[in-house]
Amino acid sequence: MRFIVAGLLAFLLSGCATLSQLSSYTVSDAELEKVLNEQVSKLQKKSSLAGIPLVLNVDEMTVAVGPDGKDVVRLGTKATASVSAFGFSYPAKISLQLQGTPYYDSEKKAIFVRSLSLLDSTINAGGYKGNLAPISSEFMQLINSYLSTNPVYELDTTNKAINFLSTVPLQLMVEQGRLVLQPKS
């Protein structure tokens, strides 16, 4: 009899541990940054500026979730714009600070960042250091179009607990340094 009670108690405790694991799922800004930096090689666009060919490449991204207590994701982007003119290529280093709203898509079981806005931009090209709005807007379009179709994080549904959690309606909450998915109340 004691073995049956002990077994039931152990089963109940393991069930409670599983439920507490399922009560929320968090994604840190470091995890988002890792995923985005693995994807930046895909962020390239050929364009032109005043008729001059231009190649835009995103080199690196940094992520801050919930900065200053805001419900946003802040992205720092280091990029290169290569202008081709007169048979030469002139690289320019560009830094952008962007901010967007995180969104959980329950069908894709993924987190997206949408509605990006430009906070700051600087360009360093051949001794010139300042702001060059046309190139900044080209990079904004590149990053915004990429993030509208590509998630910044996908839930690992091969994990049984996460797969079970993703079957219920979830709400996304932003806390400083992390995104939290939890069942809607």
Protein backbone atom coordinates (compact mmCIF):
# COMPACT_ATOMS: atom_id res chain seq x y z
CA MET A 1 0.00 0.00 0.00
CA ARG A 2 2.83 2.40 0.85
CA PHE A 3 4.38 1.77 -2.57
CA ILE A 4 1.13 2.65 -4.33
CA VAL A 5 0.76 5.89 -2.33
CA ALA A 6 4.44 6.75 -2.90
CA GLY A 7 4.04 6.04 -6.63
CA LEU A 8 0.92 8.22 -6.88
CA LEU A 9 2.65 11.01 -4.96
CA ALA A 10 5.70 10.82 -7.27
CA PHE A 11 3.41 10.85 -10.33
CA LEU A 12 1.53 13.88 -8.97
CA LEU A 13 4.76 15.76 -8.22
CA SER A 14 6.18 15.04 -11.69
CA GLY A 15 2.90 16.24 -13.18
CA CYS A 16 3.15 19.48 -11.21
CA ALA A 17 6.73 19.97 -12.41
CA THR A 18 5.61 19.49 -16.01
CA LEU A 19 2.72 21.94 -15.55
CA SER A 20 5.02 24.56 -14.08
CA GLN A 21 7.35 24.09 -17.07
CA LEU A 22 4.36 24.55 -19.37
CA SER A 23 3.03 27.65 -17.61
CA SER A 24 5.36 29.89 -19.64
CA TYR A 25 8.15 29.74 -22.18
CA THR A 26 10.86 32.39 -22.32
CA VAL A 27 13.23 33.49 -25.06
CA SER A 28 16.15 35.69 -24.01
CA ASP A 29 17.57 38.52 -26.07
CA ALA A 30 20.81 36.47 -26.36
CA GLU A 31 18.85 33.62 -28.00
CA LEU A 32 17.19 36.05 -30.45
CA GLU A 33 20.56 37.62 -31.24
CA LYS A 34 22.07 34.19 -31.95
CA VAL A 35 19.24 33.30 -34.36
CA LEU A 36 19.43 36.66 -36.16
CA ASN A 37 23.22 36.53 -36.51
CA GLU A 38 22.89 33.09 -38.11
CA GLN A 39 20.47 34.62 -40.64
CA VAL A 40 22.26 37.90 -41.50
CA SER A 41 24.13 36.34 -44.42
CA LYS A 42 20.74 36.19 -46.18
CA LEU A 43 20.24 39.93 -45.82
CA GLN A 44 21.61 41.32 -49.06
CA LYS A 45 20.00 43.61 -51.59
CA LYS A 46 21.11 45.13 -54.88
CA SER A 47 19.82 48.62 -55.36
CA SER A 48 20.82 51.95 -56.81
CA LEU A 49 21.29 55.41 -55.40
CA ALA A 50 20.96 58.27 -57.89
CA GLY A 51 21.56 55.72 -60.67
CA ILE A 52 24.76 54.37 -59.09
CA PRO A 53 24.74 50.59 -58.36
CA LEU A 54 24.68 49.78 -54.66
CA VAL A 55 24.95 46.45 -52.80
CA LEU A 56 23.63 46.35 -49.23
CA ASN A 57 24.85 43.67 -46.79
CA VAL A 58 23.91 43.25 -43.14
CA ASP A 59 26.97 42.05 -41.23
CA GLU A 60 25.82 41.80 -37.60
CA MET A 61 22.80 42.39 -35.38
CA THR A 62 22.41 42.99 -31.67
CA VAL A 63 19.15 42.57 -29.77
CA ALA A 64 17.72 44.20 -26.66
CA VAL A 65 14.29 43.00 -25.52
CA GLY A 66 12.17 45.38 -23.45
CA PRO A 67 14.67 48.24 -23.14
CA ASP A 68 13.62 51.08 -20.83
CA GLY A 69 10.53 49.09 -19.80
CA LYS A 70 9.00 49.35 -23.30
CA ASP A 71 7.17 46.49 -25.04
CA VAL A 72 9.54 46.50 -28.00
CA VAL A 73 12.57 44.73 -29.41
CA ARG A 74 15.50 47.02 -30.23
CA LEU A 75 17.85 45.91 -33.01
CA GLY A 76 21.33 47.28 -33.56
CA THR A 77 22.56 46.64 -37.08
CA LYS A 78 26.04 46.89 -38.53
CA ALA A 79 26.01 46.82 -42.31
CA THR A 80 28.04 47.58 -45.41
CA ALA A 81 26.93 49.48 -48.49
CA SER A 82 29.22 48.99 -51.48
CA VAL A 83 28.89 51.62 -54.18
CA SER A 84 30.28 50.70 -57.60
CA ALA A 85 31.38 53.64 -59.74
CA PHE A 86 34.09 54.29 -62.32
CA GLY A 87 35.27 50.67 -62.10
CA PHE A 88 35.90 50.85 -58.36
CA SER A 89 33.96 49.69 -55.34
CA TYR A 90 33.62 52.05 -52.39
CA PRO A 91 32.49 50.43 -49.13
CA ALA A 92 30.63 52.39 -46.48
CA LYS A 93 29.99 51.15 -42.94
CA ILE A 94 26.49 51.81 -41.64
CA SER A 95 25.07 51.44 -38.14
CA LEU A 96 21.33 51.51 -37.55
CA GLN A 97 19.29 51.41 -34.35
CA LEU A 98 15.82 50.01 -35.05
CA GLN A 99 12.85 49.26 -32.87
CA GLY A 100 9.92 46.96 -33.56
CA THR A 101 6.99 45.20 -31.97
CA PRO A 102 7.27 41.46 -31.26
CA TYR A 103 4.37 39.31 -32.44
CA TYR A 104 3.60 35.61 -31.88
CA ASP A 105 2.07 33.77 -34.87
CA SER A 106 0.24 30.71 -33.50
CA GLU A 107 -0.07 29.03 -36.92
CA LYS A 108 3.67 29.20 -37.62
CA LYS A 109 4.56 28.75 -33.93
CA ALA A 110 7.08 31.55 -34.31
CA ILE A 111 7.90 35.05 -33.07
CA PHE A 112 8.22 37.91 -35.55
CA VAL A 113 9.32 41.54 -35.13
CA ARG A 114 7.12 43.96 -37.07
CA SER A 115 6.48 47.68 -37.48
CA LEU A 116 10.13 48.68 -37.43
CA SER A 117 11.04 52.30 -36.87
CA LEU A 118 14.44 53.92 -37.28
CA LEU A 119 15.88 55.38 -34.07
CA ASP A 120 19.36 56.33 -35.25
CA SER A 121 21.66 55.88 -38.21
CA THR A 122 25.29 56.68 -38.90
CA ILE A 123 27.46 56.13 -41.94
CA ASN A 124 31.24 56.05 -42.17
CA ALA A 125 32.50 56.29 -45.74
CA GLY A 126 35.87 57.56 -46.91
CA GLY A 127 36.32 60.12 -44.17
CA TYR A 128 32.67 61.19 -44.11
CA LYS A 129 30.86 60.37 -40.90
CA GLY A 130 27.22 61.32 -40.45
CA ASN A 131 23.73 60.42 -41.56
CA LEU A 132 22.78 59.54 -45.11
CA ALA A 133 19.00 59.12 -45.21
CA PRO A 134 18.64 57.42 -48.64
CA ILE A 135 20.94 54.53 -47.66
CA SER A 136 19.32 54.28 -44.22
CA SER A 137 15.87 53.99 -45.78
CA GLU A 138 17.12 51.30 -48.21
CA PHE A 139 18.45 49.28 -45.25
CA MET A 140 15.18 49.82 -43.37
CA GLN A 141 13.23 48.41 -46.33
CA LEU A 142 15.62 45.45 -46.57
CA ILE A 143 15.38 44.56 -42.87
CA ASN A 144 11.64 45.28 -42.60
CA SER A 145 10.77 43.10 -45.60
CA TYR A 146 13.02 40.29 -44.32
CA LEU A 147 11.58 40.33 -40.79
CA SER A 148 7.97 40.48 -42.03
CA THR A 149 8.35 37.01 -43.57
CA ASN A 150 11.11 35.44 -41.46
CA PRO A 151 10.68 34.80 -37.74
CA VAL A 152 13.27 35.87 -35.21
CA TYR A 153 12.51 32.72 -33.22
CA GLU A 154 10.66 29.44 -33.89
CA LEU A 155 9.37 27.18 -31.13
CA ASP A 156 11.03 23.76 -31.04
CA THR A 157 7.92 21.61 -31.43
CA THR A 158 10.00 18.41 -31.32
CA ASN A 159 10.11 19.02 -27.55
CA LYS A 160 6.88 17.43 -26.23
CA ALA A 161 6.31 20.06 -23.53
CA ILE A 162 6.74 22.94 -25.99
CA ASN A 163 4.60 21.18 -28.58
CA PHE A 164 1.83 20.77 -26.00
CA LEU A 165 2.15 24.41 -24.91
CA SER A 166 1.89 25.58 -28.54
CA THR A 167 -1.50 23.87 -28.92
CA VAL A 168 -3.21 26.32 -26.55
CA PRO A 169 -3.77 30.02 -27.33
CA LEU A 170 -0.66 31.92 -26.20
CA GLN A 171 -0.01 35.55 -25.43
CA LEU A 172 3.36 37.20 -25.86
CA MET A 173 4.63 39.42 -23.09
CA VAL A 174 7.74 41.58 -23.17
CA GLU A 175 9.96 41.76 -20.11
CA GLN A 176 13.37 43.34 -19.88
CA GLY A 177 15.83 40.94 -21.48
CA ARG A 178 13.29 38.33 -22.57
CA LEU A 179 10.06 37.47 -24.33
CA VAL A 180 7.56 35.33 -22.44
CA LEU A 181 4.91 33.12 -24.02
CA GLN A 182 2.16 31.97 -21.70
CA PRO A 183 -1.38 30.65 -22.07
CA LYS A 184 -4.01 33.34 -22.48
CA SER A 185 -6.07 33.81 -19.35
